[in-house]
Protein backbone atom coordinates (compact mmCIF):
# COMPACT_ATOMS: atom_id res chain seq x y z
CA MET A 1 -36.46 74.89 -48.79
CA ASN A 2 -33.72 72.98 -46.95
CA LYS A 3 -32.60 69.50 -47.99
CA ALA A 4 -34.56 67.69 -45.26
CA ALA A 5 -37.76 69.54 -46.13
CA ALA A 6 -37.26 68.86 -49.83
CA THR A 7 -36.78 65.15 -49.15
CA ALA A 8 -39.92 65.02 -46.99
CA ALA A 9 -41.90 66.81 -49.69
CA ASN A 10 -40.91 64.13 -52.20
CA GLU A 11 -41.79 61.20 -49.96
CA THR A 12 -44.68 58.92 -50.86
CA THR A 13 -46.92 57.00 -48.48
CA VAL A 14 -47.82 53.35 -49.00
CA LEU A 15 -51.33 54.43 -49.98
CA GLU A 16 -50.04 56.91 -52.54
CA ALA A 17 -47.60 54.32 -53.89
CA ILE A 18 -50.42 51.85 -54.51
CA LYS A 19 -52.35 54.52 -56.40
CA ALA A 20 -49.24 55.45 -58.37
CA GLY A 21 -48.74 51.82 -59.34
CA MET A 22 -52.32 51.50 -60.56
CA SER A 23 -52.12 54.79 -62.45
CA ASP A 24 -48.85 53.90 -64.17
CA ALA A 25 -50.16 50.44 -65.07
CA MET A 26 -53.30 51.96 -66.58
CA ASP A 27 -51.24 54.51 -68.50
CA ALA A 28 -49.03 51.76 -69.92
CA ASP A 29 -51.81 49.35 -70.92
CA PRO A 30 -55.35 50.35 -71.97
CA ASP A 31 -56.58 46.85 -71.08
CA VAL A 32 -55.97 47.46 -67.36
CA ILE A 33 -59.13 48.41 -65.48
CA LEU A 34 -59.99 49.01 -61.83
CA MET A 35 -63.22 47.80 -60.28
CA GLY A 36 -64.71 47.52 -56.83
CA GLU A 37 -67.02 49.05 -54.26
CA ASP A 38 -66.65 52.86 -54.18
CA VAL A 39 -63.37 52.84 -56.12
CA GLY A 40 -64.63 55.40 -58.63
CA LEU A 41 -66.36 58.59 -57.56
CA ALA A 42 -65.45 58.16 -53.88
CA GLY A 43 -61.85 57.14 -54.61
CA GLY A 44 -62.03 53.96 -52.52
CA ILE A 45 -62.86 53.51 -48.87
CA PHE A 46 -59.24 54.32 -47.96
CA ARG A 47 -58.91 56.78 -50.88
CA THR A 48 -56.37 54.60 -52.67
CA SER A 49 -57.93 55.42 -56.04
CA THR A 50 -58.69 59.12 -55.62
CA GLY A 51 -58.58 60.88 -58.98
CA LEU A 52 -58.38 57.75 -61.13
CA HIS A 53 -62.07 57.90 -62.10
CA GLN A 54 -61.68 61.47 -63.28
CA ARG A 55 -58.52 60.61 -65.20
CA PHE A 56 -59.47 57.32 -66.85
CA GLY A 57 -63.27 57.52 -66.94
CA SER A 58 -66.09 55.25 -65.84
CA ARG A 59 -65.33 52.55 -68.43
CA ARG A 60 -61.95 51.84 -66.81
CA VAL A 61 -62.65 52.73 -63.17
CA ILE A 62 -65.87 50.94 -62.35
CA ASP A 63 -68.02 51.32 -59.25
CA THR A 64 -69.69 47.99 -58.48
CA PRO A 65 -72.52 46.78 -56.25
CA LEU A 66 -71.70 45.51 -52.76
CA ASP A 67 -71.10 41.95 -53.94
CA GLU A 68 -67.59 40.53 -53.63
CA LYS A 69 -68.57 37.27 -55.30
CA GLY A 70 -70.07 39.10 -58.26
CA ILE A 71 -67.15 41.51 -58.53
CA VAL A 72 -64.59 38.72 -58.80
CA ALA A 73 -66.82 36.67 -61.10
CA HIS A 74 -67.07 39.60 -63.51
CA ALA A 75 -63.31 40.13 -63.28
CA VAL A 76 -62.69 36.48 -64.19
CA GLY A 77 -64.83 36.91 -67.30
CA MET A 78 -63.05 40.12 -68.23
CA ALA A 79 -59.65 38.48 -67.83
CA MET A 80 -60.70 35.53 -69.97
CA TYR A 81 -61.60 37.96 -72.76
CA GLY A 82 -58.33 39.88 -72.67
CA LEU A 83 -58.71 42.61 -70.07
CA LYS A 84 -56.50 42.94 -66.99
CA PRO A 85 -58.76 43.78 -64.07
CA ILE A 86 -57.57 45.14 -60.74
CA VAL A 87 -60.20 44.22 -58.16
CA GLU A 88 -60.45 45.94 -54.80
CA ILE A 89 -61.94 44.00 -51.89
CA GLN A 90 -62.68 46.73 -49.34
CA PHE A 91 -61.51 44.70 -46.34
CA SER A 92 -59.90 41.28 -46.05
CA GLY A 93 -62.83 40.02 -43.98
CA PHE A 94 -65.12 40.42 -46.99
CA ILE A 95 -63.10 38.21 -49.34
CA HIS A 96 -64.58 34.90 -48.22
CA ASP A 97 -67.68 35.31 -50.40
CA ALA A 98 -65.39 35.46 -53.43
CA PHE A 99 -63.27 32.43 -52.51
CA GLU A 100 -64.96 30.11 -55.01
CA HIS A 101 -64.34 32.37 -57.98
CA ILE A 102 -60.76 33.14 -56.95
CA MET A 103 -59.58 29.61 -56.21
CA PHE A 104 -61.86 27.44 -58.35
CA CYS A 105 -62.12 29.69 -61.41
CA ALA A 106 -59.31 32.24 -61.72
CA ALA A 107 -56.63 30.05 -60.13
CA ARG A 108 -57.48 26.96 -62.19
CA TYR A 109 -58.06 28.42 -65.63
CA ARG A 110 -54.48 27.85 -66.80
CA TRP A 111 -54.51 24.27 -65.48
CA ALA A 112 -57.96 23.45 -66.83
CA SER A 113 -56.92 24.63 -70.30
CA GLY A 114 -53.68 22.68 -70.34
CA GLY A 115 -51.68 25.89 -70.25
CA GLN A 116 -53.38 27.40 -73.30
CA TYR A 117 -55.05 30.25 -71.43
CA SER A 118 -54.46 32.31 -68.32
CA CYS A 119 -56.52 34.57 -66.09
CA PRO A 120 -54.48 37.73 -65.38
CA MET A 121 -56.02 39.74 -62.58
CA VAL A 122 -54.99 41.54 -59.40
CA ILE A 123 -57.06 41.18 -56.25
CA ARG A 124 -56.25 43.92 -53.76
CA VAL A 125 -56.87 42.80 -50.18
CA PRO A 126 -56.49 45.51 -47.48
CA SER A 127 -55.45 43.47 -44.46
CA PHE A 128 -54.16 43.35 -40.87
CA GLY A 129 -55.24 44.97 -37.64
CA GLY A 130 -54.28 48.28 -36.16
CA ILE A 131 -57.31 50.32 -37.20
CA LYS A 132 -59.67 49.34 -34.36
CA GLY A 133 -61.95 47.64 -36.86
CA GLY A 134 -62.85 44.34 -35.22
CA PHE A 135 -62.86 41.01 -36.98
CA TRP A 136 -64.56 42.05 -40.24
CA HIS A 137 -61.96 44.73 -40.95
CA SER A 138 -58.74 43.38 -39.42
CA GLN A 139 -58.27 39.82 -40.62
CA SER A 140 -55.14 38.15 -41.92
CA VAL A 141 -56.46 35.80 -44.59
CA GLU A 142 -53.22 34.63 -46.22
CA ALA A 143 -53.51 31.01 -45.10
CA TYR A 144 -56.89 30.54 -46.79
CA PHE A 145 -55.33 30.91 -50.22
CA VAL A 146 -51.93 29.22 -50.01
CA HIS A 147 -53.09 25.60 -50.03
CA HIS A 148 -54.74 25.34 -53.45
CA GLY A 149 -52.16 26.53 -55.99
CA GLY A 150 -52.68 28.67 -59.06
CA VAL A 151 -52.30 32.11 -57.47
CA LYS A 152 -49.42 34.30 -56.40
CA MET A 153 -49.47 36.38 -53.22
CA LEU A 154 -47.47 39.53 -52.49
CA CYS A 155 -47.31 41.63 -49.33
CA PRO A 156 -45.52 45.00 -49.45
CA SER A 157 -44.19 46.68 -46.32
CA THR A 158 -42.64 49.79 -47.88
CA PRO A 159 -43.94 52.43 -50.31
CA GLU A 160 -41.51 51.33 -53.03
CA ASP A 161 -42.57 47.71 -52.69
CA ALA A 162 -46.23 48.75 -52.83
CA TYR A 163 -45.59 50.56 -56.12
CA ARG A 164 -43.43 47.91 -57.75
CA MET A 165 -45.51 44.98 -56.54
CA MET A 166 -48.60 46.54 -58.05
CA LEU A 167 -46.82 46.77 -61.40
CA ALA A 168 -45.56 43.19 -61.09
CA ALA A 169 -49.02 41.92 -60.20
CA VAL A 170 -50.63 43.64 -63.19
CA GLN A 171 -48.01 42.26 -65.56
CA ASP A 172 -48.21 38.70 -64.25
CA PRO A 173 -50.16 36.28 -66.48
CA ASP A 174 -51.91 34.63 -63.53
CA PRO A 175 -54.08 35.88 -60.64
CA VAL A 176 -52.18 37.75 -57.93
CA LEU A 177 -53.43 38.55 -54.44
CA LEU A 178 -51.90 41.81 -53.20
CA ILE A 179 -52.13 41.76 -49.40
CA GLU A 180 -52.07 45.45 -48.54
CA PRO A 181 -50.88 46.63 -45.09
CA VAL A 182 -53.67 48.96 -43.94
CA PRO A 183 -51.82 50.13 -40.77
CA LEU A 184 -48.96 51.33 -42.98
CA TYR A 185 -51.12 53.14 -45.55
CA ARG A 186 -50.51 56.60 -44.10
CA SER A 187 -48.05 55.94 -41.27
CA LEU A 188 -45.08 55.11 -43.50
CA SER A 189 -43.54 57.24 -46.23
CA ALA A 190 -40.34 57.18 -48.26
CA SER A 191 -38.92 58.49 -51.51
CA PHE A 192 -38.28 56.26 -54.52
CA GLU A 193 -38.00 56.59 -58.26
CA ARG A 194 -41.34 56.21 -60.02
CA ASP A 195 -39.84 54.56 -63.08
CA GLY A 196 -42.37 51.88 -64.01
CA LYS A 197 -40.11 48.98 -63.01
CA PRO A 198 -41.93 46.01 -61.41
CA ALA A 199 -40.74 44.07 -58.38
CA GLU A 200 -39.29 40.61 -58.83
CA ILE A 201 -41.84 38.14 -57.53
CA GLY A 202 -40.44 35.48 -55.22
CA LYS A 203 -37.64 37.54 -53.66
CA ALA A 204 -37.29 38.30 -49.95
CA ARG A 205 -35.19 41.11 -48.49
CA ILE A 206 -32.88 41.13 -45.49
CA VAL A 207 -33.83 44.39 -43.77
CA ARG A 208 -31.60 43.94 -40.73
CA PRO A 209 -28.45 41.78 -40.78
CA GLY A 210 -27.45 39.64 -37.81
CA ASN A 211 -25.62 36.43 -36.93
CA ASP A 212 -27.41 35.09 -33.83
CA VAL A 213 -31.08 34.65 -34.75
CA THR A 214 -33.14 34.75 -37.95
CA ILE A 215 -36.62 36.29 -37.89
CA ILE A 216 -38.85 35.53 -40.88
CA THR A 217 -41.81 37.88 -41.18
CA TYR A 218 -43.96 40.04 -43.45
CA GLY A 219 -46.45 42.90 -43.32
CA PRO A 220 -46.75 45.56 -40.59
CA VAL A 221 -45.36 43.29 -37.87
CA LEU A 222 -42.02 43.56 -39.66
CA TYR A 223 -41.48 46.84 -37.86
CA GLU A 224 -42.19 45.26 -34.48
CA ALA A 225 -39.52 42.67 -35.30
CA ILE A 226 -37.01 45.37 -36.23
CA LYS A 227 -37.81 47.28 -33.03
CA ALA A 228 -37.33 44.15 -30.92
CA ALA A 229 -34.05 43.31 -32.66
CA ASP A 230 -32.66 46.83 -32.28
CA GLU A 231 -33.54 47.04 -28.58
CA LEU A 232 -32.02 43.65 -27.75
CA ALA A 233 -28.88 44.47 -29.68
CA LEU A 234 -28.40 47.52 -27.48
CA THR A 235 -29.15 45.79 -24.17
CA THR A 236 -27.76 42.28 -24.70
CA GLY A 237 -25.58 42.34 -27.80
CA ILE A 238 -27.77 39.73 -29.52
CA GLU A 239 -27.78 40.45 -33.25
CA THR A 240 -30.96 39.34 -34.99
CA GLU A 241 -31.32 39.08 -38.75
CA VAL A 242 -34.77 40.17 -39.95
CA ILE A 243 -36.08 38.90 -43.29
CA ASP A 244 -39.06 40.59 -44.96
CA LEU A 245 -40.58 37.86 -47.12
CA ARG A 246 -42.41 40.32 -49.41
CA SER A 247 -43.55 37.47 -51.67
CA LEU A 248 -45.63 34.80 -49.90
CA ILE A 249 -46.44 32.68 -52.96
CA PRO A 250 -43.86 31.86 -54.16
CA TYR A 251 -41.54 32.52 -51.24
CA ASP A 252 -37.77 32.86 -51.25
CA ILE A 253 -36.54 29.64 -49.66
CA GLU A 254 -32.95 30.32 -50.76
CA THR A 255 -32.66 33.53 -48.73
CA ILE A 256 -34.31 31.87 -45.74
CA LEU A 257 -32.01 28.85 -45.75
CA LYS A 258 -28.87 30.91 -46.27
CA SER A 259 -29.71 32.94 -43.17
CA VAL A 260 -30.77 29.92 -41.11
CA LYS A 261 -27.56 28.04 -41.87
CA ARG A 262 -25.59 31.02 -40.60
CA THR A 263 -27.57 31.78 -37.40
CA GLY A 264 -28.92 28.33 -36.47
CA ARG A 265 -31.95 29.88 -34.74
CA VAL A 266 -35.27 30.76 -36.36
CA ILE A 267 -38.31 32.71 -35.21
CA ILE A 268 -41.30 33.16 -37.52
CA VAL A 269 -43.53 36.15 -36.81
CA HIS A 270 -46.91 36.84 -38.38
CA GLU A 271 -50.11 38.60 -37.42
CA ALA A 272 -52.37 35.72 -38.43
CA PRO A 273 -53.39 33.12 -35.82
CA LEU A 274 -50.69 30.68 -34.75
CA SER A 275 -52.00 27.27 -35.77
CA MET A 276 -52.03 25.90 -39.32
CA GLY A 277 -50.72 29.15 -40.78
CA LEU A 278 -47.80 30.22 -42.93
CA GLY A 279 -45.52 30.05 -39.90
CA ALA A 280 -46.14 26.33 -39.56
CA GLU A 281 -45.24 25.82 -43.22
CA PHE A 282 -42.04 27.84 -42.98
CA ALA A 283 -41.04 26.02 -39.79
CA THR A 284 -41.54 22.66 -41.47
CA VAL A 285 -39.53 23.59 -44.55
CA VAL A 286 -36.67 24.94 -42.42
CA GLN A 287 -36.54 21.73 -40.40
CA GLU A 288 -36.75 19.57 -43.54
CA LYS A 289 -33.95 21.39 -45.34
CA ALA A 290 -31.71 22.75 -42.57
CA PHE A 291 -32.28 20.56 -39.51
CA GLY A 292 -28.59 19.86 -39.03
CA TYR A 293 -27.84 23.58 -38.74
CA LEU A 294 -30.37 24.33 -35.99
CA HIS A 295 -29.20 25.11 -32.45
CA ALA A 296 -32.78 25.25 -31.11
CA PRO A 297 -36.33 24.35 -32.17
CA VAL A 298 -38.00 26.81 -34.53
CA GLN A 299 -40.17 29.32 -32.65
CA ARG A 300 -43.35 31.11 -33.75
CA VAL A 301 -44.82 34.40 -32.57
CA ALA A 302 -48.35 34.98 -33.82
CA ALA A 303 -51.87 35.93 -32.86
CA PRO A 304 -53.94 33.59 -30.65
CA ASP A 305 -56.22 31.02 -32.26
CA VAL A 306 -59.38 33.09 -31.84
CA PRO A 307 -61.24 35.57 -34.06
CA TYR A 308 -59.94 39.11 -34.05
CA HIS A 309 -61.51 40.51 -30.91
CA PHE A 310 -63.55 43.69 -30.57
CA SER A 311 -62.98 44.30 -26.87
CA ILE A 312 -59.31 43.47 -26.37
CA GLY A 313 -58.51 44.72 -29.87
CA ASP A 314 -55.18 45.58 -31.37
CA ASP A 315 -53.12 46.05 -28.24
CA TYR A 316 -53.40 42.46 -27.03
CA TYR A 317 -54.19 40.45 -30.15
CA ARG A 318 -51.35 41.38 -32.49
CA PRO A 319 -47.72 40.34 -31.93
CA ASN A 320 -45.57 43.16 -30.61
CA ALA A 321 -41.92 43.92 -29.97
CA GLY A 322 -42.13 42.71 -26.37
CA LEU A 323 -43.38 39.26 -27.35
CA ILE A 324 -40.75 39.03 -30.06
CA GLN A 325 -38.01 39.97 -27.60
CA LEU A 326 -39.15 37.21 -25.25
CA ALA A 327 -38.96 34.72 -28.13
CA ILE A 328 -35.44 35.86 -29.02
CA GLU A 329 -34.27 35.52 -25.41
CA ARG A 330 -35.93 32.11 -25.12
CA ILE A 331 -34.35 30.72 -28.25
CA MET A 332 -30.93 32.10 -27.33
CA SER A 333 -31.06 30.38 -23.93
CA PHE A 334 -32.14 26.99 -25.29
CA GLU A 335 -29.82 24.06 -24.65
CA PHE A 336 -30.19 20.56 -26.01
């Protein structure tokens, strides 16, 4: 086998990395359990838990009824009594039924007890479009959960991040929402060391350096931003810095501001609808803390303010490299 073939053979997809993270967490701690609809015998609707039921048994890999509210409610009780549940919500569009138990029970337990108790649990939320699933199976629900406090939120965009973020989420003493990038499950693979080391929550990563424009983004649309930046660099010489947030709650304001103060131009890209989303929050914080460094108003590239559409679907709803390029050209040409 040549070197390239050997490297490819050792690569891991995002889906496999998530499963590896769960498996290693369950190996390390007998209190970690996995529960959700079809996670056991079927291995999950996306097969992210294939083989875990056979390995750890039905007491630790639990098939549940089709009841998101009940699943999370049971997980809250388990966490309160010392277990560390990993809950799978099959699709992000199904999580709304469980909102009360996530935000008004799990997220508030530490605060309600004056810091005496916590509610450690991981809620896996397969998210984003790109699978031709319509609005029940393609939602970006991040904004629903960022306004209340008490939870953390992570969003991997690489196999290594998927693995290490799973470990970090399991080890965290409070509830963690893991926003999983469904379009990247099988389309992205890479090699990394499976060493049991968790990610550092709250740290962004600069995935493409540049001095002219800063793009702040997360999830699958990260790769559209990189594509746009690379193409414009070749055709115009504009060098765009691309920041993968990775951690949405808390987010890495230091990395953002350091980049903004160098480039003076900011574009925020996310797949969720434009208005009242994370992009609006990031834009506000940038203008509050770095207004004097800006050469142009902060721009946003996002989905339209409508439900994810069945008929127009992925090709027209989600931000793409072309729209991001237009935003870069627009912000570069701005004059006060």
